[in-house]
Amino acid sequence: MRGRLLPVVLATLAIGDAAMAQEPAAPPDRPLASAGQEARAQALFEVVRCVVCQHESIADSPAGIAGDMRRLIREEIAAGATDQAVKDDLVRRWGDYVLFTPPVRTGTWLLWFGPALLVLAGVAGLVLTARRKAVATAPLSPEEERRLAELLKTERVRPDPDASPPHDGR
């Protein structure tokens, strides 16, 4: 009885742990009183990446940290910060990755120019491959033809049944 009950108990605990590990929902957003400031905040929400979801902007993300980031942006805008100052603060906290379009600098060159370099390398490889000349094989001499015919007549060497016939007109 105990051996049968143990897997059921362990499965129940595992399901309960997974349900408890989920992030709580973000509190509802409170828009700024000024329509102009709220419009600036909404524009910034679209260009800032959620650090949890990573493929969504914080405007679309339901993650709790996205709600915290929206609240932080609204607080900074209400305090009089410029859009660039808000972005700089977000980059200071979470790195260049937090912006969908990170700045071009030494640390982000690979991100900006890497895809173009890969395309150029692929094109260069195709051009080099296309420019290579095929190695021409010399035709067999009459002596080599005779020796080959003798080899094919013996039982030890059998012709390949899948081979195509010669194209020399015989």
C-alpha atoms as a PDB file:
ATOM      1  CA  MET A   1       0.000   0.000   0.000  1.00  0.00           C
ATOM      2  CA  ARG A   2       2.784   2.383   0.916  1.00  0.00           C
ATOM      3  CA  GLY A   3       4.627   1.728  -2.377  1.00  0.00           C
ATOM      4  CA  ARG A   4       1.538   2.687  -4.378  1.00  0.00           C
ATOM      5  CA  LEU A   5       0.735   5.796  -2.376  1.00  0.00           C
ATOM      6  CA  LEU A   6       4.219   7.350  -2.545  1.00  0.00           C
ATOM      7  CA  PRO A   7       4.165   8.157  -6.326  1.00  0.00           C
ATOM      8  CA  VAL A   8       0.714   9.747  -5.983  1.00  0.00           C
ATOM      9  CA  VAL A   9       1.893  11.947  -3.113  1.00  0.00           C
ATOM     10  CA  LEU A  10       5.074  12.946  -4.966  1.00  0.00           C
ATOM     11  CA  ALA A  11       3.124  13.826  -8.134  1.00  0.00           C
ATOM     12  CA  THR A  12       0.684  15.938  -6.103  1.00  0.00           C
ATOM     13  CA  LEU A  13       3.558  17.806  -4.457  1.00  0.00           C
ATOM     14  CA  ALA A  14       5.278  18.398  -7.823  1.00  0.00           C
ATOM     15  CA  ILE A  15       2.105  19.839  -9.353  1.00  0.00           C
ATOM     16  CA  GLY A  16       1.563  22.027  -6.298  1.00  0.00           C
ATOM     17  CA  ASP A  17       5.141  23.312  -6.425  1.00  0.00           C
ATOM     18  CA  ALA A  18       4.786  24.241 -10.103  1.00  0.00           C
ATOM     19  CA  ALA A  19       1.565  26.137  -9.416  1.00  0.00           C
ATOM     20  CA  MET A  20       3.140  28.011  -6.507  1.00  0.00           C
ATOM     21  CA  ALA A  21       6.262  28.904  -8.548  1.00  0.00           C
ATOM     22  CA  GLN A  22       4.356  31.029 -11.043  1.00  0.00           C
ATOM     23  CA  GLU A  23       4.902  34.753 -10.892  1.00  0.00           C
ATOM     24  CA  PRO A  24       2.015  36.726  -9.417  1.00  0.00           C
ATOM     25  CA  ALA A  25       0.094  38.996 -11.742  1.00  0.00           C
ATOM     26  CA  ALA A  26       1.287  42.572 -12.020  1.00  0.00           C
ATOM     27  CA  PRO A  27      -0.831  45.189 -10.256  1.00  0.00           C
ATOM     28  CA  PRO A  28      -2.969  47.276 -12.598  1.00  0.00           C
ATOM     29  CA  ASP A  29      -1.268  50.239 -14.216  1.00  0.00           C
ATOM     30  CA  ARG A  30      -2.126  53.778 -13.136  1.00  0.00           C
ATOM     31  CA  PRO A  31      -1.807  56.202 -16.040  1.00  0.00           C
ATOM     32  CA  LEU A  32      -0.186  59.574 -15.541  1.00  0.00           C
ATOM     33  CA  ALA A  33      -2.453  62.573 -15.014  1.00  0.00           C
ATOM     34  CA  SER A  34      -0.989  64.505 -17.943  1.00  0.00           C
ATOM     35  CA  ALA A  35      -2.026  63.128 -21.354  1.00  0.00           C
ATOM     36  CA  GLY A  36       1.258  64.286 -22.900  1.00  0.00           C
ATOM     37  CA  GLN A  37       3.335  62.521 -20.268  1.00  0.00           C
ATOM     38  CA  GLU A  38       1.242  59.345 -20.590  1.00  0.00           C
ATOM     39  CA  ALA A  39       1.741  59.408 -24.383  1.00  0.00           C
ATOM     40  CA  ARG A  40       5.519  59.643 -23.837  1.00  0.00           C
ATOM     41  CA  ALA A  41       5.353  56.747 -21.381  1.00  0.00           C
ATOM     42  CA  GLN A  42       3.318  54.623 -23.823  1.00  0.00           C
ATOM     43  CA  ALA A  43       5.851  55.351 -26.590  1.00  0.00           C
ATOM     44  CA  LEU A  44       8.689  54.234 -24.307  1.00  0.00           C
ATOM     45  CA  PHE A  45       6.787  51.067 -23.337  1.00  0.00           C
ATOM     46  CA  GLU A  46       6.905  49.993 -27.003  1.00  0.00           C
ATOM     47  CA  VAL A  47      10.696  50.294 -27.333  1.00  0.00           C
ATOM     48  CA  VAL A  48      11.619  48.625 -24.037  1.00  0.00           C
ATOM     49  CA  ARG A  49      11.983  44.844 -23.952  1.00  0.00           C
ATOM     50  CA  CYS A  50      10.575  42.812 -21.060  1.00  0.00           C
ATOM     51  CA  VAL A  51      13.544  41.208 -19.310  1.00  0.00           C
ATOM     52  CA  VAL A  52      11.474  38.104 -18.497  1.00  0.00           C
ATOM     53  CA  CYS A  53       9.591  37.549 -21.773  1.00  0.00           C
ATOM     54  CA  GLN A  54      12.466  38.880 -23.941  1.00  0.00           C
ATOM     55  CA  HIS A  55      10.377  38.850 -27.117  1.00  0.00           C
ATOM     56  CA  GLU A  56       7.695  41.273 -25.973  1.00  0.00           C
ATOM     57  CA  SER A  57       7.708  44.932 -25.154  1.00  0.00           C
ATOM     58  CA  ILE A  58       6.737  45.905 -21.640  1.00  0.00           C
ATOM     59  CA  ALA A  59       3.530  47.352 -23.107  1.00  0.00           C
ATOM     60  CA  ASP A  60       2.398  43.834 -24.084  1.00  0.00           C
ATOM     61  CA  SER A  61       3.975  41.755 -21.329  1.00  0.00           C
ATOM     62  CA  PRO A  62       1.894  40.430 -18.444  1.00  0.00           C
ATOM     63  CA  ALA A  63       5.003  39.723 -16.313  1.00  0.00           C
ATOM     64  CA  GLY A  64       5.273  41.380 -12.942  1.00  0.00           C
ATOM     65  CA  ILE A  65       8.644  42.920 -13.726  1.00  0.00           C
ATOM     66  CA  ALA A  66       7.159  44.505 -16.869  1.00  0.00           C
ATOM     67  CA  GLY A  67       4.579  46.182 -14.625  1.00  0.00           C
ATOM     68  CA  ASP A  68       7.401  47.360 -12.360  1.00  0.00           C
ATOM     69  CA  MET A  69       9.275  48.729 -15.385  1.00  0.00           C
ATOM     70  CA  ARG A  70       6.157  50.580 -16.596  1.00  0.00           C
ATOM     71  CA  ARG A  71       5.686  52.075 -13.129  1.00  0.00           C
ATOM     72  CA  LEU A  72       9.378  53.102 -13.015  1.00  0.00           C
ATOM     73  CA  ILE A  73       9.128  54.806 -16.422  1.00  0.00           C
ATOM     74  CA  ARG A  74       5.991  56.686 -15.362  1.00  0.00           C
ATOM     75  CA  GLU A  75       7.668  57.807 -12.120  1.00  0.00           C
ATOM     76  CA  GLU A  76      10.726  59.104 -13.975  1.00  0.00           C
ATOM     77  CA  ILE A  77       8.596  60.933 -16.561  1.00  0.00           C
ATOM     78  CA  ALA A  78       6.474  62.468 -13.781  1.00  0.00           C
ATOM     79  CA  ALA A  79       9.707  63.597 -12.106  1.00  0.00           C
ATOM     80  CA  GLY A  80      10.672  65.469 -15.289  1.00  0.00           C
ATOM     81  CA  ALA A  81      13.189  63.055 -16.864  1.00  0.00           C
ATOM     82  CA  THR A  82      13.664  63.159 -20.629  1.00  0.00           C
ATOM     83  CA  ASP A  83      13.029  60.083 -22.767  1.00  0.00           C
ATOM     84  CA  GLN A  84      16.773  59.616 -23.264  1.00  0.00           C
ATOM     85  CA  ALA A  85      17.397  59.872 -19.507  1.00  0.00           C
ATOM     86  CA  VAL A  86      14.758  57.185 -18.901  1.00  0.00           C
ATOM     87  CA  LYS A  87      16.365  54.919 -21.512  1.00  0.00           C
ATOM     88  CA  ASP A  88      19.817  55.545 -20.039  1.00  0.00           C
ATOM     89  CA  ASP A  89      18.553  54.563 -16.589  1.00  0.00           C
ATOM     90  CA  LEU A  90      16.991  51.369 -17.942  1.00  0.00           C
ATOM     91  CA  VAL A  91      20.229  50.472 -19.754  1.00  0.00           C
ATOM     92  CA  ARG A  92      22.190  51.158 -16.562  1.00  0.00           C
ATOM     93  CA  ARG A  93      19.941  48.747 -14.644  1.00  0.00           C
ATOM     94  CA  TRP A  94      19.447  45.955 -17.218  1.00  0.00           C
ATOM     95  CA  GLY A  95      22.027  46.515 -19.970  1.00  0.00           C
ATOM     96  CA  ASP A  96      21.705  47.303 -23.682  1.00  0.00           C
ATOM     97  CA  TYR A  97      19.490  44.259 -24.209  1.00  0.00           C
ATOM     98  CA  VAL A  98      16.546  46.019 -22.551  1.00  0.00           C
ATOM     99  CA  LEU A  99      16.107  48.225 -25.630  1.00  0.00           C
ATOM    100  CA  PHE A 100      14.778  46.697 -28.855  1.00  0.00           C
ATOM    101  CA  THR A 101      17.231  48.926 -30.762  1.00  0.00           C
ATOM    102  CA  PRO A 102      20.401  49.126 -28.680  1.00  0.00           C
ATOM    103  CA  PRO A 103      22.913  51.910 -29.382  1.00  0.00           C
ATOM    104  CA  VAL A 104      25.743  51.347 -31.864  1.00  0.00           C
ATOM    105  CA  ARG A 105      28.963  51.129 -29.872  1.00  0.00           C
ATOM    106  CA  THR A 106      31.909  48.773 -29.541  1.00  0.00           C
ATOM    107  CA  GLY A 107      30.030  46.290 -27.366  1.00  0.00           C
ATOM    108  CA  THR A 108      27.111  46.024 -29.806  1.00  0.00           C
ATOM    109  CA  TRP A 109      28.983  45.913 -33.142  1.00  0.00           C
ATOM    110  CA  LEU A 110      28.463  42.176 -33.488  1.00  0.00           C
ATOM    111  CA  LEU A 111      24.760  42.635 -32.862  1.00  0.00           C
ATOM    112  CA  TRP A 112      24.448  45.383 -35.459  1.00  0.00           C
ATOM    113  CA  PHE A 113      26.907  44.243 -38.128  1.00  0.00           C
ATOM    114  CA  GLY A 114      27.139  40.485 -37.498  1.00  0.00           C
ATOM    115  CA  PRO A 115      24.194  39.486 -39.724  1.00  0.00           C
ATOM    116  CA  ALA A 116      25.533  41.584 -42.623  1.00  0.00           C
ATOM    117  CA  LEU A 117      28.991  40.030 -42.199  1.00  0.00           C
ATOM    118  CA  LEU A 118      27.470  36.545 -42.268  1.00  0.00           C
ATOM    119  CA  VAL A 119      25.589  37.353 -45.490  1.00  0.00           C
ATOM    120  CA  LEU A 120      28.764  38.765 -47.077  1.00  0.00           C
ATOM    121  CA  ALA A 121      30.751  35.686 -46.035  1.00  0.00           C
ATOM    122  CA  GLY A 122      28.069  33.441 -47.544  1.00  0.00           C
ATOM    123  CA  VAL A 123      28.086  35.380 -50.821  1.00  0.00           C
ATOM    124  CA  ALA A 124      31.896  35.278 -50.941  1.00  0.00           C
ATOM    125  CA  GLY A 125      31.811  31.512 -50.361  1.00  0.00           C
ATOM    126  CA  LEU A 126      29.280  31.041 -53.161  1.00  0.00           C
ATOM    127  CA  VAL A 127      31.324  33.195 -55.546  1.00  0.00           C
ATOM    128  CA  LEU A 128      34.521  31.282 -54.762  1.00  0.00           C
ATOM    129  CA  THR A 129      32.751  27.953 -55.194  1.00  0.00           C
ATOM    130  CA  ALA A 130      31.239  29.035 -58.517  1.00  0.00           C
ATOM    131  CA  ARG A 131      34.597  30.268 -59.847  1.00  0.00           C
ATOM    132  CA  ARG A 132      36.354  26.964 -59.246  1.00  0.00           C
ATOM    133  CA  LYS A 133      36.947  25.064 -62.444  1.00  0.00           C
ATOM    134  CA  ALA A 134      35.929  21.442 -62.616  1.00  0.00           C
ATOM    135  CA  VAL A 135      38.857  19.069 -62.873  1.00  0.00           C
ATOM    136  CA  ALA A 136      38.748  17.512 -66.321  1.00  0.00           C
ATOM    137  CA  THR A 137      39.514  13.815 -66.464  1.00  0.00           C
ATOM    138  CA  ALA A 138      41.673  12.585 -69.297  1.00  0.00           C
ATOM    139  CA  PRO A 139      40.187   9.871 -71.522  1.00  0.00           C
ATOM    140  CA  LEU A 140      41.581   6.355 -71.230  1.00  0.00           C
ATOM    141  CA  SER A 141      44.351   5.347 -73.576  1.00  0.00           C
ATOM    142  CA  PRO A 142      43.755   2.387 -75.934  1.00  0.00           C
ATOM    143  CA  GLU A 143      45.934   0.207 -73.693  1.00  0.00           C
ATOM    144  CA  GLU A 144      43.903   1.180 -70.602  1.00  0.00           C
ATOM    145  CA  GLU A 145      40.670   0.486 -72.519  1.00  0.00           C
ATOM    146  CA  ARG A 146      41.903  -3.016 -73.470  1.00  0.00           C
ATOM    147  CA  ARG A 147      43.002  -3.791 -69.905  1.00  0.00           C
ATOM    148  CA  LEU A 148      39.666  -2.573 -68.524  1.00  0.00           C
ATOM    149  CA  ALA A 149      37.770  -4.805 -70.984  1.00  0.00           C
ATOM    150  CA  GLU A 150      39.822  -7.825 -69.831  1.00  0.00           C
ATOM    151  CA  LEU A 151      39.108  -7.038 -66.182  1.00  0.00           C
ATOM    152  CA  LEU A 152      35.395  -6.769 -66.816  1.00  0.00           C
ATOM    153  CA  LYS A 153      35.325 -10.204 -68.529  1.00  0.00           C
ATOM    154  CA  THR A 154      36.615 -12.006 -65.440  1.00  0.00           C
ATOM    155  CA  GLU A 155      34.276 -13.271 -62.744  1.00  0.00           C
ATOM    156  CA  ARG A 156      36.074 -11.456 -59.945  1.00  0.00           C
ATOM    157  CA  VAL A 157      35.104  -8.000 -61.145  1.00  0.00           C
ATOM    158  CA  ARG A 158      31.463  -7.485 -62.012  1.00  0.00           C
ATOM    159  CA  PRO A 159      30.082  -4.333 -63.654  1.00  0.00           C
ATOM    160  CA  ASP A 160      27.806  -2.182 -61.569  1.00  0.00           C
ATOM    161  CA  PRO A 161      24.201  -2.839 -62.661  1.00  0.00           C
ATOM    162  CA  ASP A 162      23.265   0.764 -61.797  1.00  0.00           C
ATOM    163  CA  ALA A 163      26.009   2.318 -63.925  1.00  0.00           C
ATOM    164  CA  SER A 164      24.980   4.179 -67.051  1.00  0.00           C
ATOM    165  CA  PRO A 165      26.247   3.008 -70.482  1.00  0.00           C
ATOM    166  CA  PRO A 166      29.238   4.802 -72.001  1.00  0.00           C
ATOM    167  CA  HIS A 167      28.528   7.948 -73.943  1.00  0.00           C
ATOM    168  CA  ASP A 168      31.261   7.640 -76.495  1.00  0.00           C
ATOM    169  CA  GLY A 169      28.969   6.453 -79.317  1.00  0.00           C
ATOM    170  CA  ARG A 170      29.855   2.725 -79.426  1.00  0.00           C
END
